[in-house]
């Protein structure tokens, strides 16, 4: 089989994020009592608390990529992180300093590598996000090191296997989007992230 590159996309595919909500529910609703929900102004993981027995994983508005990205975070989060609001992470908005950007990239390269796998399973274009449109002084962040880390992590998971929940979600996405591409048939390169 020919290797599939990261920018492949299904012609005419329906990238309605509600499809992702349904796939997520099939995979995880019963065992993990977690629901993927759209319509949020900002992404947020909300653990079950008083009055709710269900954990909520909110993605931004109706953005397909946001839903994939938030699922990637959830697939990586361990049991303790899944008991904390937004997995216990901090978030600094656009305009982060170089130090803040480095801290952001240190926790973001793994979810973005997983999002890349999920995008390929759907035939959806993956776009690397440094999520910092302008640092103080107006310059754009240099994403070359981040791009390399995301690519290397994707290759690592290709060799060693995806985390358990990510593997379940990847396979179910392949079924949902009629894509029979196995993880070993994918091709990851930094050039695809430019």
C-alpha atoms as a PDB file:
ATOM      1  CA  UNK A   1       0.000   0.000   0.000  1.00  0.00           C
ATOM      2  CA  UNK A   2       1.193   3.516  -0.746  1.00  0.00           C
ATOM      3  CA  UNK A   3       2.080   5.730   2.195  1.00  0.00           C
ATOM      4  CA  UNK A   4      -0.472   8.393   2.978  1.00  0.00           C
ATOM      5  CA  UNK A   5       0.851  11.911   3.377  1.00  0.00           C
ATOM      6  CA  UNK A   6      -0.344  14.360   5.985  1.00  0.00           C
ATOM      7  CA  UNK A   7      -2.117  16.715   3.611  1.00  0.00           C
ATOM      8  CA  UNK A   8      -4.406  14.091   2.060  1.00  0.00           C
ATOM      9  CA  UNK A   9      -8.107  14.833   2.227  1.00  0.00           C
ATOM     10  CA  UNK A  10     -11.276  13.020   1.263  1.00  0.00           C
ATOM     11  CA  UNK A  11     -13.018  14.709  -1.627  1.00  0.00           C
ATOM     12  CA  UNK A  12     -16.560  15.593  -0.634  1.00  0.00           C
ATOM     13  CA  UNK A  13     -16.172  14.261   2.905  1.00  0.00           C
ATOM     14  CA  UNK A  14     -18.590  15.641   5.458  1.00  0.00           C
ATOM     15  CA  UNK A  15     -16.486  17.280   8.152  1.00  0.00           C
ATOM     16  CA  UNK A  16     -19.370  18.017  10.481  1.00  0.00           C
ATOM     17  CA  UNK A  17     -17.933  17.861  14.011  1.00  0.00           C
ATOM     18  CA  UNK A  18     -21.109  16.151  15.228  1.00  0.00           C
ATOM     19  CA  UNK A  19     -19.773  13.054  13.503  1.00  0.00           C
ATOM     20  CA  UNK A  20     -16.782  13.258  15.826  1.00  0.00           C
ATOM     21  CA  UNK A  21     -19.130  13.590  18.810  1.00  0.00           C
ATOM     22  CA  UNK A  22     -20.856  10.376  17.735  1.00  0.00           C
ATOM     23  CA  UNK A  23     -17.576   8.518  17.234  1.00  0.00           C
ATOM     24  CA  UNK A  24     -16.329   9.719  20.621  1.00  0.00           C
ATOM     25  CA  UNK A  25     -19.572   8.576  22.262  1.00  0.00           C
ATOM     26  CA  UNK A  26     -19.325   5.114  20.701  1.00  0.00           C
ATOM     27  CA  UNK A  27     -15.761   4.783  21.928  1.00  0.00           C
ATOM     28  CA  UNK A  28     -15.844   6.323  25.398  1.00  0.00           C
ATOM     29  CA  UNK A  29     -19.263   7.384  26.727  1.00  0.00           C
ATOM     30  CA  UNK A  30     -20.064   4.201  28.606  1.00  0.00           C
ATOM     31  CA  UNK A  31     -16.655   3.383  30.089  1.00  0.00           C
ATOM     32  CA  UNK A  32     -15.387   6.913  30.759  1.00  0.00           C
ATOM     33  CA  UNK A  33     -18.691   8.810  31.216  1.00  0.00           C
ATOM     34  CA  UNK A  34     -17.341  11.568  28.979  1.00  0.00           C
ATOM     35  CA  UNK A  35     -19.111  13.514  26.247  1.00  0.00           C
ATOM     36  CA  UNK A  36     -17.589  15.609  23.445  1.00  0.00           C
ATOM     37  CA  UNK A  37     -19.549  18.868  22.985  1.00  0.00           C
ATOM     38  CA  UNK A  38     -19.317  21.740  20.543  1.00  0.00           C
ATOM     39  CA  UNK A  39     -20.420  25.344  20.758  1.00  0.00           C
ATOM     40  CA  UNK A  40     -17.937  26.658  23.318  1.00  0.00           C
ATOM     41  CA  UNK A  41     -16.271  30.058  22.963  1.00  0.00           C
ATOM     42  CA  UNK A  42     -13.044  28.426  24.118  1.00  0.00           C
ATOM     43  CA  UNK A  43     -12.130  24.738  24.505  1.00  0.00           C
ATOM     44  CA  UNK A  44     -12.506  23.350  28.019  1.00  0.00           C
ATOM     45  CA  UNK A  45     -12.483  20.012  29.805  1.00  0.00           C
ATOM     46  CA  UNK A  46     -15.016  20.009  32.630  1.00  0.00           C
ATOM     47  CA  UNK A  47     -14.854  17.021  34.978  1.00  0.00           C
ATOM     48  CA  UNK A  48     -18.094  15.698  36.438  1.00  0.00           C
ATOM     49  CA  UNK A  49     -19.021  17.477  39.609  1.00  0.00           C
ATOM     50  CA  UNK A  50     -21.991  18.277  41.725  1.00  0.00           C
ATOM     51  CA  UNK A  51     -25.175  17.688  39.773  1.00  0.00           C
ATOM     52  CA  UNK A  52     -23.459  15.899  36.872  1.00  0.00           C
ATOM     53  CA  UNK A  53     -22.201  12.378  36.439  1.00  0.00           C
ATOM     54  CA  UNK A  54     -20.743  13.111  33.007  1.00  0.00           C
ATOM     55  CA  UNK A  55     -17.410  14.716  32.153  1.00  0.00           C
ATOM     56  CA  UNK A  56     -17.679  17.277  29.336  1.00  0.00           C
ATOM     57  CA  UNK A  57     -15.003  17.876  26.714  1.00  0.00           C
ATOM     58  CA  UNK A  58     -15.884  21.167  25.013  1.00  0.00           C
ATOM     59  CA  UNK A  59     -14.431  22.158  21.647  1.00  0.00           C
ATOM     60  CA  UNK A  60     -14.563  25.590  20.070  1.00  0.00           C
ATOM     61  CA  UNK A  61     -17.751  26.562  18.276  1.00  0.00           C
ATOM     62  CA  UNK A  62     -18.288  24.058  15.452  1.00  0.00           C
ATOM     63  CA  UNK A  63     -14.673  23.636  14.402  1.00  0.00           C
ATOM     64  CA  UNK A  64     -13.775  20.133  13.277  1.00  0.00           C
ATOM     65  CA  UNK A  65     -10.065  20.670  14.022  1.00  0.00           C
ATOM     66  CA  UNK A  66     -10.836  21.948  17.524  1.00  0.00           C
ATOM     67  CA  UNK A  67     -12.822  18.786  18.262  1.00  0.00           C
ATOM     68  CA  UNK A  68      -9.950  16.587  17.052  1.00  0.00           C
ATOM     69  CA  UNK A  69      -7.464  18.592  19.103  1.00  0.00           C
ATOM     70  CA  UNK A  70      -9.472  18.409  22.321  1.00  0.00           C
ATOM     71  CA  UNK A  71      -9.931  14.652  21.915  1.00  0.00           C
ATOM     72  CA  UNK A  72      -6.156  14.370  21.502  1.00  0.00           C
ATOM     73  CA  UNK A  73      -5.648  16.159  24.836  1.00  0.00           C
ATOM     74  CA  UNK A  74      -8.195  13.853  26.473  1.00  0.00           C
ATOM     75  CA  UNK A  75      -6.539  10.725  25.042  1.00  0.00           C
ATOM     76  CA  UNK A  76      -3.232  11.719  26.632  1.00  0.00           C
ATOM     77  CA  UNK A  77      -4.595  12.865  29.992  1.00  0.00           C
ATOM     78  CA  UNK A  78      -4.179  10.328  32.770  1.00  0.00           C
ATOM     79  CA  UNK A  79      -6.743   9.539  35.453  1.00  0.00           C
ATOM     80  CA  UNK A  80      -5.628  12.354  37.782  1.00  0.00           C
ATOM     81  CA  UNK A  81      -5.602  14.968  35.021  1.00  0.00           C
ATOM     82  CA  UNK A  82      -9.105  13.901  33.958  1.00  0.00           C
ATOM     83  CA  UNK A  83     -10.343  14.849  37.430  1.00  0.00           C
ATOM     84  CA  UNK A  84      -9.130  18.471  37.045  1.00  0.00           C
ATOM     85  CA  UNK A  85     -10.683  21.404  35.240  1.00  0.00           C
ATOM     86  CA  UNK A  86      -8.986  21.705  31.833  1.00  0.00           C
ATOM     87  CA  UNK A  87      -6.738  18.791  32.863  1.00  0.00           C
ATOM     88  CA  UNK A  88      -4.969  21.128  35.307  1.00  0.00           C
ATOM     89  CA  UNK A  89      -3.213  23.043  32.523  1.00  0.00           C
ATOM     90  CA  UNK A  90      -2.739  26.814  32.404  1.00  0.00           C
ATOM     91  CA  UNK A  91      -3.405  28.822  29.303  1.00  0.00           C
ATOM     92  CA  UNK A  92      -1.917  32.160  28.304  1.00  0.00           C
ATOM     93  CA  UNK A  93      -3.583  33.988  25.387  1.00  0.00           C
ATOM     94  CA  UNK A  94      -1.945  35.342  22.219  1.00  0.00           C
ATOM     95  CA  UNK A  95       1.043  37.543  22.829  1.00  0.00           C
ATOM     96  CA  UNK A  96       2.939  35.023  24.944  1.00  0.00           C
ATOM     97  CA  UNK A  97       6.560  35.749  25.749  1.00  0.00           C
ATOM     98  CA  UNK A  98       9.223  33.401  24.342  1.00  0.00           C
ATOM     99  CA  UNK A  99       9.360  31.665  27.749  1.00  0.00           C
ATOM    100  CA  UNK A 100       5.577  31.214  27.859  1.00  0.00           C
ATOM    101  CA  UNK A 101       5.626  29.981  24.253  1.00  0.00           C
ATOM    102  CA  UNK A 102       8.273  27.416  25.172  1.00  0.00           C
ATOM    103  CA  UNK A 103       6.142  26.180  28.072  1.00  0.00           C
ATOM    104  CA  UNK A 104       3.129  25.968  25.734  1.00  0.00           C
ATOM    105  CA  UNK A 105       5.054  23.946  23.152  1.00  0.00           C
ATOM    106  CA  UNK A 106       6.404  21.604  25.845  1.00  0.00           C
ATOM    107  CA  UNK A 107       2.858  20.375  26.564  1.00  0.00           C
ATOM    108  CA  UNK A 108       1.381  20.817  23.074  1.00  0.00           C
ATOM    109  CA  UNK A 109       3.615  18.713  20.848  1.00  0.00           C
ATOM    110  CA  UNK A 110       2.047  15.403  21.940  1.00  0.00           C
ATOM    111  CA  UNK A 111      -1.608  16.435  21.474  1.00  0.00           C
ATOM    112  CA  UNK A 112      -0.766  17.970  18.116  1.00  0.00           C
ATOM    113  CA  UNK A 113       0.977  14.780  17.013  1.00  0.00           C
ATOM    114  CA  UNK A 114      -2.159  12.816  17.961  1.00  0.00           C
ATOM    115  CA  UNK A 115      -4.375  15.345  16.222  1.00  0.00           C
ATOM    116  CA  UNK A 116      -2.290  14.711  13.100  1.00  0.00           C
ATOM    117  CA  UNK A 117      -3.110  10.980  13.290  1.00  0.00           C
ATOM    118  CA  UNK A 118      -6.805  11.722  13.846  1.00  0.00           C
ATOM    119  CA  UNK A 119      -6.865  14.159  10.923  1.00  0.00           C
ATOM    120  CA  UNK A 120      -5.365  11.516   8.652  1.00  0.00           C
ATOM    121  CA  UNK A 121      -7.949   8.978   9.805  1.00  0.00           C
ATOM    122  CA  UNK A 122     -10.675  11.417   8.701  1.00  0.00           C
ATOM    123  CA  UNK A 123      -8.938  12.591   5.543  1.00  0.00           C
ATOM    124  CA  UNK A 124      -8.879  16.100   7.005  1.00  0.00           C
ATOM    125  CA  UNK A 125      -5.974  18.514   6.576  1.00  0.00           C
ATOM    126  CA  UNK A 126      -3.888  18.885   9.713  1.00  0.00           C
ATOM    127  CA  UNK A 127      -2.425  22.298  10.445  1.00  0.00           C
ATOM    128  CA  UNK A 128       0.231  22.762  13.079  1.00  0.00           C
ATOM    129  CA  UNK A 129      -0.723  25.484  15.541  1.00  0.00           C
ATOM    130  CA  UNK A 130       1.800  27.461  17.541  1.00  0.00           C
ATOM    131  CA  UNK A 131      -1.310  29.262  18.841  1.00  0.00           C
ATOM    132  CA  UNK A 132       0.522  32.549  19.288  1.00  0.00           C
ATOM    133  CA  UNK A 133      -0.186  34.998  16.502  1.00  0.00           C
ATOM    134  CA  UNK A 134       2.269  37.546  17.767  1.00  0.00           C
ATOM    135  CA  UNK A 135       4.701  37.754  20.598  1.00  0.00           C
ATOM    136  CA  UNK A 136       5.515  41.013  22.345  1.00  0.00           C
ATOM    137  CA  UNK A 137       7.232  43.282  19.855  1.00  0.00           C
ATOM    138  CA  UNK A 138       5.079  42.024  16.965  1.00  0.00           C
ATOM    139  CA  UNK A 139       7.326  39.207  15.742  1.00  0.00           C
ATOM    140  CA  UNK A 140       5.939  35.780  14.919  1.00  0.00           C
ATOM    141  CA  UNK A 141       7.216  32.804  16.907  1.00  0.00           C
ATOM    142  CA  UNK A 142       9.701  30.504  15.197  1.00  0.00           C
ATOM    143  CA  UNK A 143       7.859  27.193  14.974  1.00  0.00           C
ATOM    144  CA  UNK A 144      10.701  25.122  13.469  1.00  0.00           C
ATOM    145  CA  UNK A 145      11.685  23.377  16.712  1.00  0.00           C
ATOM    146  CA  UNK A 146       8.028  22.789  17.615  1.00  0.00           C
ATOM    147  CA  UNK A 147       7.365  21.392  14.138  1.00  0.00           C
ATOM    148  CA  UNK A 148      10.266  18.970  14.595  1.00  0.00           C
ATOM    149  CA  UNK A 149       9.016  17.812  17.994  1.00  0.00           C
ATOM    150  CA  UNK A 150       5.488  17.184  16.677  1.00  0.00           C
ATOM    151  CA  UNK A 151       6.844  15.236  13.708  1.00  0.00           C
ATOM    152  CA  UNK A 152       9.223  13.162  15.832  1.00  0.00           C
ATOM    153  CA  UNK A 153       6.431  12.342  18.305  1.00  0.00           C
ATOM    154  CA  UNK A 154       4.173  11.215  15.450  1.00  0.00           C
ATOM    155  CA  UNK A 155       6.948   8.970  14.127  1.00  0.00           C
ATOM    156  CA  UNK A 156       7.568   7.602  17.629  1.00  0.00           C
ATOM    157  CA  UNK A 157       3.901   6.621  18.044  1.00  0.00           C
ATOM    158  CA  UNK A 158       3.931   5.137  14.572  1.00  0.00           C
ATOM    159  CA  UNK A 159       6.820   2.867  15.609  1.00  0.00           C
ATOM    160  CA  UNK A 160       5.718   2.073  19.163  1.00  0.00           C
ATOM    161  CA  UNK A 161       1.923   2.274  18.883  1.00  0.00           C
ATOM    162  CA  UNK A 162      -0.582   4.942  19.797  1.00  0.00           C
ATOM    163  CA  UNK A 163      -1.684   5.417  23.408  1.00  0.00           C
ATOM    164  CA  UNK A 164      -4.576   3.021  24.130  1.00  0.00           C
ATOM    165  CA  UNK A 165      -7.524   5.451  23.934  1.00  0.00           C
ATOM    166  CA  UNK A 166      -5.973   7.229  20.947  1.00  0.00           C
ATOM    167  CA  UNK A 167      -5.675   3.901  19.125  1.00  0.00           C
ATOM    168  CA  UNK A 168      -9.346   3.138  19.761  1.00  0.00           C
ATOM    169  CA  UNK A 169     -10.377   6.580  18.498  1.00  0.00           C
ATOM    170  CA  UNK A 170      -8.091   6.387  15.440  1.00  0.00           C
ATOM    171  CA  UNK A 171      -9.530   3.013  14.375  1.00  0.00           C
ATOM    172  CA  UNK A 172     -13.116   4.170  14.876  1.00  0.00           C
ATOM    173  CA  UNK A 173     -12.431   7.358  12.887  1.00  0.00           C
ATOM    174  CA  UNK A 174     -11.072   5.212  10.058  1.00  0.00           C
ATOM    175  CA  UNK A 175     -14.310   3.204  10.084  1.00  0.00           C
ATOM    176  CA  UNK A 176     -16.502   6.321  10.257  1.00  0.00           C
ATOM    177  CA  UNK A 177     -14.697   8.006   7.354  1.00  0.00           C
ATOM    178  CA  UNK A 178     -14.288   4.807   5.295  1.00  0.00           C
ATOM    179  CA  UNK A 179     -10.521   5.045   5.478  1.00  0.00           C
ATOM    180  CA  UNK A 180      -8.609   1.776   5.682  1.00  0.00           C
ATOM    181  CA  UNK A 181      -5.201   3.350   6.264  1.00  0.00           C
ATOM    182  CA  UNK A 182      -3.223   1.637   8.985  1.00  0.00           C
ATOM    183  CA  UNK A 183      -0.893   3.599  11.224  1.00  0.00           C
ATOM    184  CA  UNK A 184       2.151   1.993   9.585  1.00  0.00           C
ATOM    185  CA  UNK A 185       1.027   3.224   6.147  1.00  0.00           C
ATOM    186  CA  UNK A 186       1.175   6.880   7.153  1.00  0.00           C
ATOM    187  CA  UNK A 187       4.067   9.186   6.274  1.00  0.00           C
ATOM    188  CA  UNK A 188       5.114  12.032   8.555  1.00  0.00           C
ATOM    189  CA  UNK A 189       7.555  14.759   7.531  1.00  0.00           C
ATOM    190  CA  UNK A 190       8.206  18.291   8.722  1.00  0.00           C
ATOM    191  CA  UNK A 191       7.692  19.649   5.225  1.00  0.00           C
ATOM    192  CA  UNK A 192       4.037  18.632   5.469  1.00  0.00           C
ATOM    193  CA  UNK A 193       3.659  20.971   8.443  1.00  0.00           C
ATOM    194  CA  UNK A 194       4.734  24.146   6.644  1.00  0.00           C
END
